[in-house]
Protein backbone atom coordinates (compact mmCIF):
# COMPACT_ATOMS: atom_id res chain seq x y z
CA MET A 1 100.79 97.35 78.45
CA ASN A 2 104.10 99.08 79.00
CA GLU A 3 104.85 102.08 81.18
CA ALA A 4 104.54 104.67 78.39
CA ASP A 5 101.18 103.29 77.27
CA ALA A 6 99.90 103.23 80.85
CA ARG A 7 100.92 106.85 81.32
CA SER A 8 99.15 107.81 78.08
CA ALA A 9 96.06 105.84 79.13
CA LEU A 10 95.81 107.73 82.42
CA LEU A 11 96.32 111.06 80.67
CA VAL A 12 93.54 110.33 78.19
CA ARG A 13 91.29 109.03 80.98
CA ALA A 14 91.76 112.29 82.88
CA TYR A 15 90.48 114.24 79.88
CA GLU A 16 87.69 111.87 78.92
CA THR A 17 86.24 111.76 82.44
CA ALA A 18 86.53 115.50 83.09
CA PRO A 19 83.46 117.74 82.83
CA PRO A 20 83.28 119.48 79.41
CA ALA A 21 83.75 122.90 81.00
CA GLN A 22 87.17 121.88 82.34
CA ILE A 23 88.61 120.80 79.00
CA ASP A 24 87.11 123.64 76.96
CA GLY A 25 86.79 121.72 73.70
CA ARG A 26 90.34 120.33 73.73
CA TRP A 27 88.90 116.80 73.72
CA THR A 28 85.39 116.08 72.48
CA ASP A 29 83.04 113.14 72.05
CA ALA A 30 84.07 113.11 68.39
CA ASP A 31 87.70 112.71 69.43
CA ARG A 32 86.74 109.91 71.80
CA ALA A 33 84.88 108.09 69.00
CA TRP A 34 87.79 108.64 66.59
CA ALA A 35 90.29 107.14 69.06
CA THR A 36 88.11 104.04 69.50
CA GLN A 37 87.60 103.57 65.77
CA ALA A 38 91.28 104.13 64.98
CA ALA A 39 92.28 101.54 67.59
CA LEU A 40 89.69 99.12 66.17
CA GLN A 41 91.16 99.54 62.71
CA ALA A 42 94.66 98.96 64.05
CA GLU A 43 93.93 96.04 66.39
CA GLY A 44 90.51 94.64 65.52
CA GLU A 45 87.68 93.47 67.73
CA GLN A 46 89.46 90.28 68.78
CA ALA A 47 92.51 91.98 70.31
CA GLY A 48 92.98 91.61 74.05
CA ALA A 49 91.76 94.44 76.24
CA ASP A 50 95.33 95.32 77.29
CA ARG A 51 96.51 95.67 73.70
CA PHE A 52 93.43 97.54 72.51
CA ILE A 53 93.50 100.05 75.38
CA ALA A 54 97.25 100.60 74.88
CA THR A 55 96.83 101.32 71.16
CA ARG A 56 93.90 103.60 71.76
CA ALA A 57 95.84 105.47 74.46
CA ARG A 58 98.84 106.03 72.15
CA LEU A 59 96.66 107.36 69.34
CA ALA A 60 94.54 109.54 71.60
CA ALA A 61 97.53 110.92 73.53
CA ALA A 62 99.31 111.86 70.29
CA ARG A 63 96.28 113.86 69.09
CA LEU A 64 95.68 115.38 72.51
CA CYS A 65 99.30 116.50 72.98
CA ALA A 66 99.37 118.02 69.49
CA ARG A 67 96.31 120.03 70.42
CA ASP A 68 97.14 120.87 74.05
CA ARG A 69 100.79 121.64 74.77
CA HIS A 70 100.15 121.44 78.53
CA ALA A 71 99.12 117.81 78.16
CA GLY A 72 102.38 117.05 76.37
CA SER A 73 104.37 118.89 79.02
CA ALA A 74 102.66 116.94 81.79
CA LEU A 75 103.33 113.65 80.01
CA ARG A 76 107.04 114.50 79.69
CA ALA A 77 107.32 115.87 83.22
CA LEU A 78 106.11 112.59 84.73
CA THR A 79 108.50 110.47 82.66
CA TRP A 80 111.40 108.91 84.58
CA ARG A 81 114.85 110.40 83.83
CA PRO A 82 117.45 107.58 83.63
CA TRP A 83 120.25 110.02 84.37
CA ILE A 84 119.00 110.27 87.97
CA GLY A 85 120.12 106.72 88.70
CA TRP A 86 123.37 107.03 86.76
CA GLY A 87 124.16 110.33 88.48
CA LEU A 88 123.69 108.77 91.90
CA VAL A 89 125.96 105.85 90.99
CA LEU A 90 128.68 108.16 89.65
CA ALA A 91 128.50 110.38 92.73
CA ALA A 92 128.81 107.31 94.98
CA LEU A 93 131.86 106.10 93.05
CA VAL A 94 133.58 109.48 93.34
CA ALA A 95 132.73 109.66 97.05
CA GLY A 96 134.14 106.17 97.58
CA VAL A 97 137.42 107.00 95.85
CA ALA A 98 137.72 110.25 97.78
CA THR A 99 137.02 108.55 101.12
CA ASP A 100 140.05 107.49 103.12
CA ALA A 101 138.19 104.50 104.48
CA ILE A 102 141.02 102.74 106.22
CA GLY A 103 143.38 105.27 107.70
CA THR A 104 145.00 108.69 107.62
CA ALA A 105 148.53 110.01 107.72
CA ARG A 106 149.82 106.71 106.23
CA GLN A 107 148.91 104.91 109.46
CA ILE A 108 146.18 102.29 109.25
CA ASN A 109 144.09 101.33 112.25
CA VAL A 110 143.48 97.60 111.73
CA LEU A 111 140.09 98.06 113.36
CA ALA A 112 139.27 100.45 110.45
CA PRO A 113 136.22 102.16 112.06
CA PRO A 114 134.91 103.63 108.74
CA LEU A 115 134.92 100.24 107.04
CA LEU A 116 133.41 98.57 110.08
CA ALA A 117 130.60 101.13 109.95
CA VAL A 118 130.04 100.36 106.24
CA LEU A 119 129.91 96.64 106.98
CA ALA A 120 127.51 97.15 109.91
CA TRP A 121 125.20 99.34 107.83
CA ASN A 122 125.05 96.78 105.03
CA LEU A 123 124.37 94.03 107.56
CA LEU A 124 121.35 95.99 108.79
CA VAL A 125 120.14 96.42 105.20
CA TYR A 126 120.44 92.69 104.52
CA MET A 127 118.62 91.86 107.74
CA ALA A 128 115.78 94.21 106.77
CA ILE A 129 115.55 92.62 103.31
CA ALA A 130 115.59 89.11 104.81
CA ALA A 131 112.90 90.07 107.34
CA ARG A 132 110.76 91.50 104.56
CA ALA A 133 111.19 88.30 102.53
CA ALA A 134 110.27 86.18 105.56
CA ILE A 135 107.13 88.26 106.16
CA GLY A 136 106.21 87.85 102.50
CA VAL A 137 106.55 84.07 102.73
CA THR A 138 104.66 83.66 106.00
CA GLY A 139 102.04 86.20 104.92
CA ALA A 140 100.60 83.71 102.39
CA GLY A 141 100.61 86.08 99.45
CA SER A 142 100.28 89.27 101.45
CA ARG A 143 100.48 92.34 99.25
CA ARG A 144 101.80 94.65 101.96
CA LEU A 145 104.43 97.09 100.80
CA GLY A 146 108.03 96.87 101.88
CA PRO A 147 109.78 99.71 103.75
CA LEU A 148 111.06 101.41 100.61
CA ALA A 149 107.77 101.03 98.76
CA ARG A 150 105.93 102.45 101.79
CA GLN A 151 108.18 105.49 101.75
CA VAL A 152 107.61 105.90 98.03
CA ALA A 153 103.85 105.59 98.58
CA ARG A 154 104.02 108.28 101.27
CA ALA A 155 106.06 110.47 98.94
CA ALA A 156 103.52 109.81 96.18
CA HIS A 157 100.72 110.86 98.53
CA ALA A 158 102.62 114.03 99.41
CA VAL A 159 103.20 114.78 95.73
CA ALA A 160 99.57 114.04 94.90
CA SER A 161 98.48 116.42 97.66
CA ALA A 162 100.99 119.13 96.79
CA ALA A 163 99.75 122.64 96.15
CA TRP A 164 101.52 122.80 92.77
CA ILE A 165 99.31 120.01 91.45
CA GLU A 166 96.20 121.88 92.51
CA ARG A 167 97.38 124.83 90.41
CA LEU A 168 97.31 122.68 87.27
CA ALA A 169 94.26 122.46 85.07
CA PRO A 170 91.85 119.97 86.72
CA PRO A 171 92.37 117.17 84.13
CA LEU A 172 96.16 117.45 84.45
CA ALA A 173 95.96 117.56 88.24
CA GLY A 174 93.89 114.37 88.17
CA PHE A 175 96.37 112.76 85.79
CA ALA A 176 99.33 113.66 88.01
CA ARG A 177 97.64 112.24 91.10
CA ASP A 178 96.67 109.05 89.30
CA TRP A 179 100.16 108.52 87.91
CA VAL A 180 102.12 109.02 91.11
CA PHE A 181 99.94 106.39 92.80
CA ALA A 182 99.92 103.97 89.87
CA SER A 183 103.71 104.15 89.40
CA ALA A 184 104.69 103.88 93.08
CA ALA A 185 105.83 100.24 92.77
CA LEU A 186 107.90 100.98 89.67
CA VAL A 187 109.47 104.07 91.23
CA ALA A 188 110.28 102.04 94.35
CA ALA A 189 112.07 99.44 92.19
CA ARG A 190 114.02 102.18 90.43
CA ILE A 191 115.05 103.83 93.67
CA ALA A 192 116.04 100.49 95.20
CA ARG A 193 118.08 99.62 92.12
CA ALA A 194 119.85 102.99 92.19
CA LEU A 195 120.58 102.74 95.93
CA HIS A 196 121.96 99.20 95.68
CA ALA A 197 124.09 100.19 92.69
CA ALA A 198 125.31 103.29 94.53
CA ALA A 199 126.26 101.22 97.59
CA ALA A 200 128.19 98.81 95.36
CA THR A 201 130.02 101.59 93.50
CA PHE A 202 130.80 103.38 96.77
CA ALA A 203 132.44 100.19 98.03
CA LEU A 204 134.28 99.79 94.72
CA GLY A 205 135.49 103.38 94.92
CA ALA A 206 136.70 102.87 98.48
CA LEU A 207 138.69 99.78 97.41
CA LEU A 208 140.20 101.59 94.44
CA GLY A 209 141.16 104.48 96.70
CA MET A 210 142.88 102.14 99.16
CA TYR A 211 144.96 100.44 96.48
CA VAL A 212 145.87 103.68 94.69
CA ARG A 213 147.09 105.16 97.95
CA GLY A 214 148.87 101.92 98.77
CA LEU A 215 150.76 102.07 95.49
CA ALA A 216 151.85 105.66 95.99
CA PHE A 217 152.63 105.53 99.71
CA GLU A 218 153.76 103.01 102.29
CA TYR A 219 151.11 102.50 104.93
CA ARG A 220 151.88 101.06 108.33
CA ALA A 221 149.28 99.09 110.27
CA GLY A 222 148.63 99.17 113.99
CA TRP A 223 145.85 99.74 116.43
CA GLU A 224 144.95 101.65 119.56
CA SER A 225 142.02 101.68 121.93
CA THR A 226 141.07 103.08 125.30
CA PHE A 227 138.73 100.25 126.25
CA ILE A 228 139.78 96.96 124.62
CA ASP A 229 142.98 94.88 124.68
CA ALA A 230 144.71 92.63 122.16
CA SER A 231 142.49 89.61 122.91
CA ALA A 232 139.33 91.61 122.20
CA VAL A 233 140.88 93.02 119.02
CA HIS A 234 141.76 89.49 117.91
CA ALA A 235 138.18 88.33 118.53
CA ILE A 236 136.73 91.23 116.53
CA LEU A 237 139.12 90.73 113.61
CA ALA A 238 138.46 86.97 113.59
CA ILE A 239 134.76 87.70 113.03
CA VAL A 240 135.21 90.53 110.53
CA LEU A 241 138.26 89.36 108.56
CA GLY A 242 138.19 85.62 109.30
CA PRO A 243 136.25 84.68 106.12
CA ALA A 244 138.62 86.75 103.95
CA ALA A 245 141.63 85.14 105.65
CA ALA A 246 140.18 81.69 104.92
CA LEU A 247 139.58 82.59 101.26
CA THR A 248 142.97 84.14 100.61
CA GLY A 249 145.19 82.10 102.94
CA ILE A 250 146.47 85.32 104.51
CA ALA A 251 146.85 84.53 108.19
CA LEU A 252 145.55 86.82 110.89
CA PRO A 253 148.12 87.63 113.59
CA ASP A 254 147.66 86.06 117.01
CA GLU A 255 147.15 88.04 120.22
CA SER A 256 150.86 88.45 120.90
CA ALA A 257 151.50 89.71 117.37
CA LEU A 258 148.63 92.16 117.71
CA ALA A 259 149.97 93.39 121.02
CA ALA A 260 153.31 93.99 119.31
CA ILE A 261 151.80 96.44 116.77
CA ARG A 262 149.77 98.43 119.27
CA ALA A 263 150.30 102.18 118.89
CA GLY A 264 152.87 103.47 121.35
CA VAL A 265 154.58 100.06 121.45
CA SER A 266 155.86 99.94 117.85
CA PRO A 267 155.50 101.88 114.61
CA GLY A 268 153.35 99.02 113.28
CA GLU A 269 153.87 96.67 110.35
CA ASN A 270 153.51 96.94 106.59
CA ALA A 271 149.77 97.30 105.90
CA ALA A 272 149.59 95.23 102.68
CA ARG A 273 147.93 92.18 104.20
CA TRP A 274 145.37 94.30 106.05
CA ILE A 275 144.45 96.16 102.87
CA HIS A 276 144.03 92.84 101.04
CA LEU A 277 141.90 91.36 103.84
CA TYR A 278 139.62 94.38 104.06
CA ALA A 279 139.36 94.55 100.26
CA ILE A 280 138.25 90.91 100.06
CA THR A 281 135.81 91.41 102.96
CA VAL A 282 134.20 94.49 101.41
CA ALA A 283 134.05 92.83 97.99
CA CYS A 284 132.34 89.72 99.39
CA PHE A 285 130.08 91.41 101.92
CA VAL A 286 129.16 94.64 100.11
CA LEU A 287 130.20 94.77 96.47
CA LEU A 288 128.92 91.35 95.35
CA PRO A 289 125.59 91.26 97.32
CA ARG A 290 124.71 94.82 96.44
CA THR A 291 125.43 94.17 92.76
CA LEU A 292 123.16 91.12 92.84
CA LEU A 293 120.43 93.10 94.63
CA ALA A 294 120.75 95.90 92.07
CA LEU A 295 120.42 93.33 89.29
CA ALA A 296 117.32 91.84 90.92
CA GLN A 297 115.72 95.29 91.19
CA PHE A 298 116.72 96.03 87.60
CA LEU A 299 114.87 92.90 86.45
CA THR A 300 111.83 93.91 88.55
CA GLU A 301 111.99 97.38 87.04
CA ARG A 302 112.10 96.00 83.50
CA ARG A 303 109.19 93.67 84.24
CA LEU A 304 107.06 96.54 85.57
CA GLU A 305 108.06 98.77 82.64
CA ASN A 306 107.02 96.16 80.09
CA ARG A 307 103.97 94.84 81.96
CA PHE A 308 102.79 97.86 83.88
CA PRO A 309 100.27 96.87 86.59
CA LEU A 310 97.42 99.11 85.47
CA GLY A 311 94.09 97.56 86.36
CA PHE A 312 91.14 97.78 84.00
CA ASP A 313 88.51 97.29 86.71
CA ASP A 314 87.17 100.81 86.72
CA GLY A 315 84.13 101.89 84.76
CA TYR A 316 86.12 103.98 82.27
CA PHE A 317 88.22 101.09 80.97
CA GLN A 318 85.27 98.73 81.09
CA ALA A 319 83.39 101.13 78.80
CA ILE A 320 86.31 101.11 76.33
CA VAL A 321 86.30 97.32 76.27
CA ARG A 322 82.55 97.29 75.62
CA ALA A 323 83.04 99.78 72.77
CA GLN A 324 85.72 97.53 71.26
CA GLN A 325 83.41 94.54 71.42
CA GLY A 326 80.44 96.50 70.12
CA ARG A 327 78.42 95.98 73.30
CA ALA A 328 76.21 98.63 74.85
CA ALA A 329 76.12 98.85 78.61
CA THR A 330 73.12 97.07 80.15
CA ILE A 331 71.96 98.48 83.47
CA ARG A 332 69.26 97.20 85.81
CA VAL A 333 67.82 99.55 88.45
CA VAL A 334 65.88 97.99 91.33
CA PRO A 335 63.94 100.52 93.47
CA TYR A 336 63.09 99.51 97.03
CA SER A 337 59.97 100.98 98.61
CA TYR A 338 60.31 103.98 96.31
CA THR A 339 58.91 104.87 92.90
CA PRO A 340 60.77 107.82 91.36
CA GLY A 341 58.63 110.58 89.89
CA PRO A 342 58.80 111.65 86.24
CA LEU A 343 61.57 114.21 86.78
CA ALA A 344 63.59 111.84 88.95
CA ALA A 345 63.18 109.06 86.35
CA LEU A 346 64.44 111.37 83.61
CA GLY A 347 67.33 112.43 85.83
CA LEU A 348 68.20 108.80 86.54
CA ASN A 349 68.31 107.97 82.83
CA ALA A 350 70.39 111.07 82.09
CA LEU A 351 72.83 110.30 84.89
CA LEU A 352 73.37 106.70 83.76
CA ALA A 353 73.66 107.79 80.11
CA ARG A 354 76.41 110.26 81.00
CA VAL A 355 78.33 107.58 82.87
CA PHE A 356 77.80 104.65 80.47
CA GLY A 357 77.14 106.37 77.15
CA ALA A 358 74.04 107.40 75.25
CA GLY A 359 73.52 103.87 73.91
CA ALA A 360 73.23 102.28 77.33
CA GLY A 361 70.25 100.01 77.86
CA ILE A 362 68.61 101.06 81.12
CA SER A 363 65.75 99.11 82.65
CA VAL A 364 63.97 99.96 85.90
CA THR A 365 62.05 97.20 87.65
CA PRO A 366 58.81 97.85 89.53
CA ALA A 367 59.51 99.04 93.06
CA LEU A 368 59.89 96.25 95.59
CA ALA A 369 57.45 96.77 98.46
CA PHE A 370 58.78 97.36 101.97
CA GLY A 371 59.05 93.99 103.71
CA ASP A 372 59.25 91.91 100.51
CA GLU A 373 63.03 91.68 100.56
CA ASP A 374 62.90 88.00 101.53
CA ALA A 375 60.97 87.07 98.38
CA LEU A 376 62.88 88.52 95.43
CA ASP A 377 61.59 87.55 92.01
CA PRO A 378 64.03 85.01 90.47
CA GLY A 379 63.86 86.96 87.19
CA LEU A 380 64.71 90.26 88.85
CA ILE A 381 68.32 90.06 87.64
CA PRO A 382 68.83 88.64 84.13
CA ASP A 383 71.56 86.13 83.35
CA ALA A 384 72.96 88.34 80.58
CA PRO A 385 76.11 90.36 81.43
CA LEU A 386 75.31 93.61 83.19
CA ALA A 387 77.45 96.72 83.41
CA LEU A 388 75.73 97.72 86.65
CA VAL A 389 72.94 96.80 89.02
CA ALA A 390 71.73 99.77 91.06
CA ALA A 391 69.52 99.59 94.10
CA LEU A 392 67.48 102.79 94.42
CA PHE A 393 66.27 104.20 97.73
CA SER A 394 64.77 107.46 98.89
CA LEU A 395 66.43 109.61 101.55
CA THR A 396 63.00 110.16 103.11
CA ALA A 397 63.09 106.55 104.32
CA THR A 398 64.74 105.69 107.61
CA PRO A 399 67.20 102.84 106.92
CA GLU A 400 66.40 99.60 108.70
CA MET A 401 68.94 96.79 108.76
CA GLU A 402 66.27 94.09 108.93
CA ASN A 403 64.70 95.50 105.75
CA HIS A 404 67.03 97.67 103.68
CA GLY A 405 70.13 95.77 104.78
CA VAL A 406 68.56 92.38 104.09
CA PHE A 407 67.39 93.64 100.67
CA VAL A 408 70.90 94.76 99.72
CA GLU A 409 72.47 91.47 100.76
CA ALA A 410 69.78 89.44 99.00
CA LEU A 411 70.23 91.51 95.83
CA ALA A 412 74.02 91.16 95.97
CA ALA A 413 73.65 87.38 96.30
CA ARG A 414 71.67 87.29 93.03
CA LEU A 415 74.29 89.16 90.97
CA PRO A 416 76.33 87.32 88.34
CA ARG A 417 80.05 87.17 89.13
CA SER A 418 81.97 90.44 88.61
CA THR A 419 78.75 92.49 88.31
CA PRO A 420 79.06 95.74 90.30
CA LEU A 421 76.33 96.87 92.68
CA ALA A 422 75.73 100.57 93.41
CA LEU A 423 73.38 101.85 96.11
CA LEU A 424 71.71 105.11 95.05
CA VAL A 425 69.88 107.20 97.63
CA ASP A 426 67.76 109.86 95.94
CA GLU A 427 67.45 113.15 97.81
CA SER A 428 65.03 114.83 95.42
CA THR A 429 61.91 114.01 97.49
CA PHE A 430 63.63 114.82 100.78
CA ALA A 431 64.95 118.32 100.00
CA PRO A 432 61.57 120.06 99.41
CA ARG A 433 60.32 118.94 102.82
CA PHE A 434 63.13 120.61 104.71
CA ASP A 435 63.86 123.85 102.89
CA GLU A 436 63.46 125.76 106.11
CA ALA A 437 66.35 126.52 108.48
CA GLY A 438 68.00 123.35 109.64
CA GLY A 439 67.27 121.50 106.39
CA CYS A 440 70.96 120.85 105.70
CA LEU A 441 71.42 119.52 109.22
CA ARG A 442 68.49 117.14 108.83
CA ARG A 443 69.83 115.98 105.46
CA ASP A 444 73.30 115.36 106.90
CA GLN A 445 71.83 113.44 109.82
CA ARG A 446 69.80 111.25 107.48
CA ARG A 447 72.84 110.71 105.25
CA ALA A 448 74.84 109.63 108.29
CA ALA A 449 72.10 107.17 109.25
CA TRP A 450 72.23 105.60 105.78
CA GLN A 451 76.02 105.40 105.83
CA ARG A 452 75.98 103.70 109.22
CA ALA A 453 73.36 101.20 108.17
CA LEU A 454 75.01 100.30 104.88
CA GLY A 455 78.50 100.46 106.38
CA ALA A 456 77.49 97.70 108.78
CA ILE A 457 77.29 95.33 105.79
CA GLY A 458 80.39 96.73 104.09
CA ARG A 459 78.59 98.96 101.58
CA GLU A 460 78.50 102.67 100.81
CA ALA A 461 75.64 104.85 99.68
CA VAL A 462 75.78 107.21 96.69
CA PHE A 463 73.68 110.29 97.48
CA VAL A 464 72.20 111.92 94.39
CA ASN A 465 69.47 114.42 93.64
CA LEU A 466 67.98 112.90 90.52
CA GLU A 467 65.78 115.90 89.74
CA ARG A 468 68.75 118.26 89.76
CA GLY A 469 71.56 116.00 88.52
CA GLY A 470 74.89 117.75 88.14
CA ILE A 471 78.58 116.91 87.97
CA ASP A 472 78.78 115.94 91.66
CA ALA A 473 76.26 113.13 91.19
CA GLU A 474 78.13 111.86 88.13
CA ARG A 475 81.47 111.88 89.94
CA ALA A 476 80.02 110.13 92.97
CA LEU A 477 78.45 107.43 90.82
CA ARG A 478 81.65 106.88 88.81
CA ALA A 479 83.67 106.50 92.01
CA ALA A 480 81.11 104.09 93.46
CA ILE A 481 81.11 102.00 90.28
CA ASP A 482 84.90 101.81 90.29
CA GLN A 483 84.89 100.62 93.91
CA ALA A 484 82.07 98.17 93.19
CA LEU A 485 83.96 96.74 90.19
CA VAL A 486 87.02 96.11 92.33
CA ARG A 487 84.91 94.46 95.00
CA ALA A 488 82.98 92.38 92.46
CA GLY A 489 86.24 91.15 90.97
CA LYS A 490 87.36 89.91 94.40
CA ASP A 491 84.08 88.21 95.33
């Protein structure tokens, strides 16, 4: 999947997972079914998930943008503008040419403080890159972000939290937030490529400026300092210009020769050799490495553009893959010490149908008695692929690690690989008992107790009121399924 297809996929996902009231008929279940069927006709049932989702996203986004101009505007607004990088490179080149990097008033200071600063800055950059590479090697596959990527991620978080996004229609706000996070690595590569290219062109511009001025005017070279003498100057120049002198055969003056061109002692010497030495040094230490680094980032950028790292672990994309393969979602619900009433059972079926589709196969096992968590029926979880296994509890129960916690861990151990586990805590039997003042406080306290108990084993509860349902329950379950899918894929 390339970058454009990934962007379209996230746009379509934002609309297809939004509550109907938020999209006001701009995208319907009929449109969703059409996009799936059109992609099936174009790619077939045997196409890979990546290819099928990409084709479906292109078709759906085209119809959506034709119908909703705001969707098209959002898609274009979040598309990278190549001129940004080229503009930065051109500005750096102009700045380099305009910079008198080596001297003023036709008198060159052989210590060239501006060029020494450029060299020192680039040395720091290379050291940071080398340190990052060393951390990556010793980190045994660590996926920690580098300094630039961290800054981009922070910027992405700031953009995703910006007030202007909140003023967008909810589906477009969700799309914008999803995209700035998903594209952070690609944007980091683009920024790094532009910065390396700008550093190289700045150095090139500075060299061109030196030679153009050298052709038009005669520059004299000398040096002056309040704190260092000729021997110290010789030591500094041997380190900075020594490699260039070895490459070109242009000899560096000795201490006595340097003392002879000190300002106030003589008018200096012709600056040609110093310009050549600094030009070779800058070319070798700045221009060439930065060009290679820009090329490396360019290749990374192209790789991410053509194989965009968009994961298909969330429930939305998993549902698309099932639709492609003609499979209905199969869900197993395992209540623990709780038998939902008729209204709660209807609400549970309705909730799961909204999340997994009307054709989902939902089965609820008999409630497991309190204390029987150590003796789970071997046939409790079928061997067939499951879209979800949900443990169902009641908020009226006080969570006990030696019972509820053991049950959750025993159930998780029975799951087939990559099967997500959601922990539903139904509040419908708890709310009527505490309608009086303080009911919300009691509910929050009980919720906190469940979160602490399940958090101790690395799990999170999904609090739902099955008799009332609502968008909040659906959102919470979708988020929990997405997290569970990611965790199941790692286990």
